[in-house]
Amino acid sequence: MRAPVELAKAYRLLNHGPTVLVTSAHAGHRNVMAAAWNSGLDFSPAKVLVVIDKNTWTRELVEGSGVFGLNVPSRALAQATLSVGSISGRAMPEGDKFSRFGLETFPATAIDVPLVEGCVAWLECRVIDEPHNQQAYDLFIGEVVAAWADSRVFSNGHWHFTDDDSLRTIHYVAGGNFLSIGESFDVKK
């Protein structure tokens, strides 16, 4: 049910504040981590930002490849999201959090990273090199080069969550606590 998203609308995939799964790959290795600090930044060209701590393996892979994926998990993936955010890929003997936590992947279309099945949106990003922001604040800016969304909950540039709670995006609070996106409503001018 993945449908392409117009890049000028890609920022809307993040502008409601969801926790994301950052996927990376470089030199034959791949990794996934959770990130609660992310946002849309611009729409033409489409840009996003995400905080990737300098001590993470994901950071090493992103710096090596110059690309990353942002995957927007749904409530159905909350346990896996907490799990991949709680352990370093470096600390795993098999070195693959995807396998360890049962995350199926598919290849990105414009960059060489895996994307996570079961999410409700996917953004493929090239790093816009900003050494000061990256070193001082762990802040990475990415140009979105491809974007996809599950058409059951995002189409025509807008979210439209259904009664299916498993498709609602999740928002990390702390200590293993998440909120899921609530009911949407319109306000007319």
C-alpha atoms as a PDB file:
ATOM      1  CA  MET A   1       0.000   0.000   0.000  1.00  0.00           C
ATOM      2  CA  ARG A   2       3.031   2.298  -0.311  1.00  0.00           C
ATOM      3  CA  ALA A   3       2.287   5.290  -2.491  1.00  0.00           C
ATOM      4  CA  PRO A   4       4.758   7.969  -3.559  1.00  0.00           C
ATOM      5  CA  VAL A   5       4.539  11.326  -1.847  1.00  0.00           C
ATOM      6  CA  GLU A   6       5.199  14.591  -3.682  1.00  0.00           C
ATOM      7  CA  LEU A   7       8.514  15.834  -2.279  1.00  0.00           C
ATOM      8  CA  ALA A   8       7.109  19.303  -1.586  1.00  0.00           C
ATOM      9  CA  LYS A   9       4.678  17.583   0.832  1.00  0.00           C
ATOM     10  CA  ALA A  10       7.231  15.166   2.359  1.00  0.00           C
ATOM     11  CA  TYR A  11       7.756  17.377   5.447  1.00  0.00           C
ATOM     12  CA  ARG A  12       4.140  16.626   6.402  1.00  0.00           C
ATOM     13  CA  LEU A  13       5.152  13.037   7.083  1.00  0.00           C
ATOM     14  CA  LEU A  14       7.033  14.363  10.154  1.00  0.00           C
ATOM     15  CA  ASN A  15       5.262  17.599  11.107  1.00  0.00           C
ATOM     16  CA  HIS A  16       3.039  15.872  13.668  1.00  0.00           C
ATOM     17  CA  GLY A  17       6.062  14.840  15.767  1.00  0.00           C
ATOM     18  CA  PRO A  18       6.313  11.053  15.445  1.00  0.00           C
ATOM     19  CA  THR A  19       9.155   8.910  16.717  1.00  0.00           C
ATOM     20  CA  VAL A  20      11.090   7.559  13.733  1.00  0.00           C
ATOM     21  CA  LEU A  21      13.331   4.631  12.986  1.00  0.00           C
ATOM     22  CA  VAL A  22      16.592   5.819  11.430  1.00  0.00           C
ATOM     23  CA  THR A  23      18.023   3.237   9.049  1.00  0.00           C
ATOM     24  CA  SER A  24      21.577   3.276   7.783  1.00  0.00           C
ATOM     25  CA  ALA A  25      24.026   1.145   5.840  1.00  0.00           C
ATOM     26  CA  HIS A  26      27.697   1.382   4.938  1.00  0.00           C
ATOM     27  CA  ALA A  27      30.567  -0.973   4.086  1.00  0.00           C
ATOM     28  CA  GLY A  28      28.419  -4.106   4.290  1.00  0.00           C
ATOM     29  CA  HIS A  29      26.817  -3.215   7.635  1.00  0.00           C
ATOM     30  CA  ARG A  30      23.305  -1.974   8.369  1.00  0.00           C
ATOM     31  CA  ASN A  31      21.605  -0.638  11.461  1.00  0.00           C
ATOM     32  CA  VAL A  32      18.385   0.801  12.811  1.00  0.00           C
ATOM     33  CA  MET A  33      17.810   3.092  15.800  1.00  0.00           C
ATOM     34  CA  ALA A  34      14.861   5.005  17.211  1.00  0.00           C
ATOM     35  CA  ALA A  35      14.874   8.807  17.254  1.00  0.00           C
ATOM     36  CA  ALA A  36      12.291  11.023  18.911  1.00  0.00           C
ATOM     37  CA  TRP A  37      14.012  14.282  17.979  1.00  0.00           C
ATOM     38  CA  ASN A  38      13.216  14.858  14.316  1.00  0.00           C
ATOM     39  CA  SER A  39      11.233  17.283  12.211  1.00  0.00           C
ATOM     40  CA  GLY A  40      10.375  18.494   8.777  1.00  0.00           C
ATOM     41  CA  LEU A  41      12.509  21.507   7.919  1.00  0.00           C
ATOM     42  CA  ASP A  42      11.665  22.753   4.425  1.00  0.00           C
ATOM     43  CA  PHE A  43       9.594  21.784   1.424  1.00  0.00           C
ATOM     44  CA  SER A  44      11.444  22.909  -1.713  1.00  0.00           C
ATOM     45  CA  PRO A  45      13.748  21.139  -1.778  1.00  0.00           C
ATOM     46  CA  ALA A  46      12.266  18.901   0.879  1.00  0.00           C
ATOM     47  CA  LYS A  47      14.467  18.765   3.989  1.00  0.00           C
ATOM     48  CA  VAL A  48      14.252  17.099   7.389  1.00  0.00           C
ATOM     49  CA  LEU A  49      16.365  17.049  10.506  1.00  0.00           C
ATOM     50  CA  VAL A  50      17.153  14.333  13.002  1.00  0.00           C
ATOM     51  CA  VAL A  51      19.395  14.096  16.046  1.00  0.00           C
ATOM     52  CA  ILE A  52      21.843  11.178  15.844  1.00  0.00           C
ATOM     53  CA  ASP A  53      24.133  10.963  18.873  1.00  0.00           C
ATOM     54  CA  LYS A  54      27.845  10.795  18.093  1.00  0.00           C
ATOM     55  CA  ASN A  55      28.212   7.621  20.171  1.00  0.00           C
ATOM     56  CA  THR A  56      25.829   5.547  18.049  1.00  0.00           C
ATOM     57  CA  TRP A  57      26.736   3.036  15.381  1.00  0.00           C
ATOM     58  CA  THR A  58      24.046   4.597  13.193  1.00  0.00           C
ATOM     59  CA  ARG A  59      26.003   7.861  13.291  1.00  0.00           C
ATOM     60  CA  GLU A  60      29.132   6.080  12.058  1.00  0.00           C
ATOM     61  CA  LEU A  61      27.212   4.455   9.192  1.00  0.00           C
ATOM     62  CA  VAL A  62      25.447   7.707   8.222  1.00  0.00           C
ATOM     63  CA  GLU A  63      28.716   9.640   8.222  1.00  0.00           C
ATOM     64  CA  GLY A  64      30.315   6.907   6.110  1.00  0.00           C
ATOM     65  CA  SER A  65      27.532   6.681   3.526  1.00  0.00           C
ATOM     66  CA  GLY A  66      26.116  10.220   3.527  1.00  0.00           C
ATOM     67  CA  VAL A  67      22.537   8.885   3.511  1.00  0.00           C
ATOM     68  CA  PHE A  68      19.855   7.682   5.918  1.00  0.00           C
ATOM     69  CA  GLY A  69      16.246   6.539   5.948  1.00  0.00           C
ATOM     70  CA  LEU A  70      13.524   7.873   8.234  1.00  0.00           C
ATOM     71  CA  ASN A  71      10.793   5.318   8.791  1.00  0.00           C
ATOM     72  CA  VAL A  72       7.624   6.361  10.636  1.00  0.00           C
ATOM     73  CA  PRO A  73       6.474   3.373  12.709  1.00  0.00           C
ATOM     74  CA  SER A  74       2.913   2.756  13.742  1.00  0.00           C
ATOM     75  CA  ARG A  75       1.606   1.573  17.083  1.00  0.00           C
ATOM     76  CA  ALA A  76       1.958  -1.999  15.830  1.00  0.00           C
ATOM     77  CA  LEU A  77       5.756  -1.472  15.900  1.00  0.00           C
ATOM     78  CA  ALA A  78       5.992   0.199  19.336  1.00  0.00           C
ATOM     79  CA  GLN A  79       7.731  -2.743  21.033  1.00  0.00           C
ATOM     80  CA  ALA A  80      10.282  -3.072  18.227  1.00  0.00           C
ATOM     81  CA  THR A  81      10.826   0.706  18.262  1.00  0.00           C
ATOM     82  CA  LEU A  82      11.595   0.662  21.994  1.00  0.00           C
ATOM     83  CA  SER A  83      13.847  -2.372  21.545  1.00  0.00           C
ATOM     84  CA  VAL A  84      15.975  -0.973  18.706  1.00  0.00           C
ATOM     85  CA  GLY A  85      16.289   2.294  20.614  1.00  0.00           C
ATOM     86  CA  SER A  86      17.507   0.537  23.748  1.00  0.00           C
ATOM     87  CA  ILE A  87      20.550  -1.356  22.449  1.00  0.00           C
ATOM     88  CA  SER A  88      23.459  -0.505  20.201  1.00  0.00           C
ATOM     89  CA  GLY A  89      24.029  -2.519  17.061  1.00  0.00           C
ATOM     90  CA  ARG A  90      27.692  -2.634  18.096  1.00  0.00           C
ATOM     91  CA  ALA A  91      26.709  -4.532  21.259  1.00  0.00           C
ATOM     92  CA  MET A  92      25.014  -7.360  19.381  1.00  0.00           C
ATOM     93  CA  PRO A  93      27.046 -10.471  18.572  1.00  0.00           C
ATOM     94  CA  GLU A  94      25.239 -10.925  15.260  1.00  0.00           C
ATOM     95  CA  GLY A  95      25.358  -7.170  14.629  1.00  0.00           C
ATOM     96  CA  ASP A  96      21.888  -6.970  13.078  1.00  0.00           C
ATOM     97  CA  LYS A  97      19.047  -5.421  15.063  1.00  0.00           C
ATOM     98  CA  PHE A  98      16.649  -5.998  12.155  1.00  0.00           C
ATOM     99  CA  SER A  99      16.933  -9.777  12.554  1.00  0.00           C
ATOM    100  CA  ARG A 100      17.090  -9.717  16.339  1.00  0.00           C
ATOM    101  CA  PHE A 101      13.816  -7.782  16.642  1.00  0.00           C
ATOM    102  CA  GLY A 102      11.979  -9.319  13.690  1.00  0.00           C
ATOM    103  CA  LEU A 103      11.957  -6.237  11.465  1.00  0.00           C
ATOM    104  CA  GLU A 104      11.473  -7.025   7.794  1.00  0.00           C
ATOM    105  CA  THR A 105      12.996  -4.604   5.314  1.00  0.00           C
ATOM    106  CA  PHE A 106      12.825  -3.606   1.681  1.00  0.00           C
ATOM    107  CA  PRO A 107      15.355  -1.600  -0.344  1.00  0.00           C
ATOM    108  CA  ALA A 108      15.092   2.153  -0.688  1.00  0.00           C
ATOM    109  CA  THR A 109      14.657   3.397  -4.247  1.00  0.00           C
ATOM    110  CA  ALA A 110      17.102   6.330  -4.408  1.00  0.00           C
ATOM    111  CA  ILE A 111      19.712   5.536  -1.722  1.00  0.00           C
ATOM    112  CA  ASP A 112      21.383   2.382  -0.425  1.00  0.00           C
ATOM    113  CA  VAL A 113      19.685   1.779   2.943  1.00  0.00           C
ATOM    114  CA  PRO A 114      17.051  -0.692   4.097  1.00  0.00           C
ATOM    115  CA  LEU A 115      13.576   0.605   4.899  1.00  0.00           C
ATOM    116  CA  VAL A 116      11.336  -1.019   7.525  1.00  0.00           C
ATOM    117  CA  GLU A 117       8.187  -2.887   6.496  1.00  0.00           C
ATOM    118  CA  GLY A 118       5.072  -2.137   8.533  1.00  0.00           C
ATOM    119  CA  CYS A 119       5.758   1.564   8.931  1.00  0.00           C
ATOM    120  CA  VAL A 120       3.280   4.163   7.658  1.00  0.00           C
ATOM    121  CA  ALA A 121       5.801   6.488   5.975  1.00  0.00           C
ATOM    122  CA  TRP A 122       9.341   6.340   4.615  1.00  0.00           C
ATOM    123  CA  LEU A 123      11.738   9.149   3.689  1.00  0.00           C
ATOM    124  CA  GLU A 124      14.989   8.558   1.826  1.00  0.00           C
ATOM    125  CA  CYS A 125      17.521  11.261   2.709  1.00  0.00           C
ATOM    126  CA  ARG A 126      20.932  12.504   1.602  1.00  0.00           C
ATOM    127  CA  VAL A 127      22.959  14.281   4.284  1.00  0.00           C
ATOM    128  CA  ILE A 128      23.418  18.009   3.759  1.00  0.00           C
ATOM    129  CA  ASP A 129      26.825  18.349   5.335  1.00  0.00           C
ATOM    130  CA  GLU A 130      26.768  20.873   8.201  1.00  0.00           C
ATOM    131  CA  PRO A 131      29.865  19.942  10.272  1.00  0.00           C
ATOM    132  CA  HIS A 132      29.228  22.494  13.042  1.00  0.00           C
ATOM    133  CA  ASN A 133      25.635  21.341  13.655  1.00  0.00           C
ATOM    134  CA  GLN A 134      26.625  17.686  13.426  1.00  0.00           C
ATOM    135  CA  GLN A 135      29.518  17.994  15.908  1.00  0.00           C
ATOM    136  CA  ALA A 136      28.044  20.533  18.339  1.00  0.00           C
ATOM    137  CA  TYR A 137      24.415  19.369  18.401  1.00  0.00           C
ATOM    138  CA  ASP A 138      24.376  15.885  16.787  1.00  0.00           C
ATOM    139  CA  LEU A 139      21.932  17.467  14.323  1.00  0.00           C
ATOM    140  CA  PHE A 140      21.748  16.057  10.809  1.00  0.00           C
ATOM    141  CA  ILE A 141      19.915  17.786   7.990  1.00  0.00           C
ATOM    142  CA  GLY A 142      18.784  15.588   5.147  1.00  0.00           C
ATOM    143  CA  GLU A 143      17.441  16.410   1.717  1.00  0.00           C
ATOM    144  CA  VAL A 144      14.529  14.101   1.025  1.00  0.00           C
ATOM    145  CA  VAL A 145      15.148  12.426  -2.329  1.00  0.00           C
ATOM    146  CA  ALA A 146      12.185  10.015  -2.207  1.00  0.00           C
ATOM    147  CA  ALA A 147       9.170   9.679   0.087  1.00  0.00           C
ATOM    148  CA  TRP A 148       6.430   7.095   0.481  1.00  0.00           C
ATOM    149  CA  ALA A 149       3.396   6.695   2.706  1.00  0.00           C
ATOM    150  CA  ASP A 150       0.772   4.090   3.464  1.00  0.00           C
ATOM    151  CA  SER A 151      -2.228   5.337   1.519  1.00  0.00           C
ATOM    152  CA  ARG A 152      -4.571   4.058   4.233  1.00  0.00           C
ATOM    153  CA  VAL A 153      -3.417   6.916   6.491  1.00  0.00           C
ATOM    154  CA  PHE A 154      -1.700   9.493   4.231  1.00  0.00           C
ATOM    155  CA  SER A 155      -2.794  10.620   0.781  1.00  0.00           C
ATOM    156  CA  ASN A 156      -3.142  13.837  -1.197  1.00  0.00           C
ATOM    157  CA  GLY A 157      -0.552  15.433   1.096  1.00  0.00           C
ATOM    158  CA  HIS A 158      -2.538  14.874   4.325  1.00  0.00           C
ATOM    159  CA  TRP A 159      -2.771  12.443   7.224  1.00  0.00           C
ATOM    160  CA  HIS A 160      -6.181  10.853   7.719  1.00  0.00           C
ATOM    161  CA  PHE A 161      -5.914   8.370  10.549  1.00  0.00           C
ATOM    162  CA  THR A 162      -8.561   5.696  10.694  1.00  0.00           C
ATOM    163  CA  ASP A 163     -10.192   3.841  13.565  1.00  0.00           C
ATOM    164  CA  ASP A 164      -7.485   1.174  13.197  1.00  0.00           C
ATOM    165  CA  ASP A 165      -5.289   2.018  16.201  1.00  0.00           C
ATOM    166  CA  SER A 166      -2.486  -0.216  14.889  1.00  0.00           C
ATOM    167  CA  LEU A 167      -1.911   2.330  12.067  1.00  0.00           C
ATOM    168  CA  ARG A 168      -1.560   5.376  14.335  1.00  0.00           C
ATOM    169  CA  THR A 169       1.913   6.886  14.667  1.00  0.00           C
ATOM    170  CA  ILE A 170       3.731   6.772  17.978  1.00  0.00           C
ATOM    171  CA  HIS A 171       5.375   9.524  20.007  1.00  0.00           C
ATOM    172  CA  TYR A 172       7.996   8.669  22.622  1.00  0.00           C
ATOM    173  CA  VAL A 173       7.665  10.430  25.958  1.00  0.00           C
ATOM    174  CA  ALA A 174      10.364   8.673  28.077  1.00  0.00           C
ATOM    175  CA  GLY A 175      10.899   5.614  30.250  1.00  0.00           C
ATOM    176  CA  GLY A 176       9.247   3.248  27.765  1.00  0.00           C
ATOM    177  CA  ASN A 177       6.125   5.419  27.524  1.00  0.00           C
ATOM    178  CA  PHE A 178       4.600   6.302  24.178  1.00  0.00           C
ATOM    179  CA  LEU A 179       1.540   8.236  23.076  1.00  0.00           C
ATOM    180  CA  SER A 180      -0.204   7.436  19.825  1.00  0.00           C
ATOM    181  CA  ILE A 181      -1.605  10.106  17.544  1.00  0.00           C
ATOM    182  CA  GLY A 182      -5.189  10.884  18.428  1.00  0.00           C
ATOM    183  CA  GLU A 183      -8.312  11.860  16.608  1.00  0.00           C
ATOM    184  CA  SER A 184      -7.922  14.362  13.812  1.00  0.00           C
ATOM    185  CA  PHE A 185     -10.302  17.290  13.353  1.00  0.00           C
ATOM    186  CA  ASP A 186     -10.576  20.290  11.044  1.00  0.00           C
ATOM    187  CA  VAL A 187     -10.839  23.935  12.015  1.00  0.00           C
ATOM    188  CA  LYS A 188     -12.247  26.202   9.330  1.00  0.00           C
ATOM    189  CA  LYS A 189     -11.022  29.768   8.808  1.00  0.00           C
END
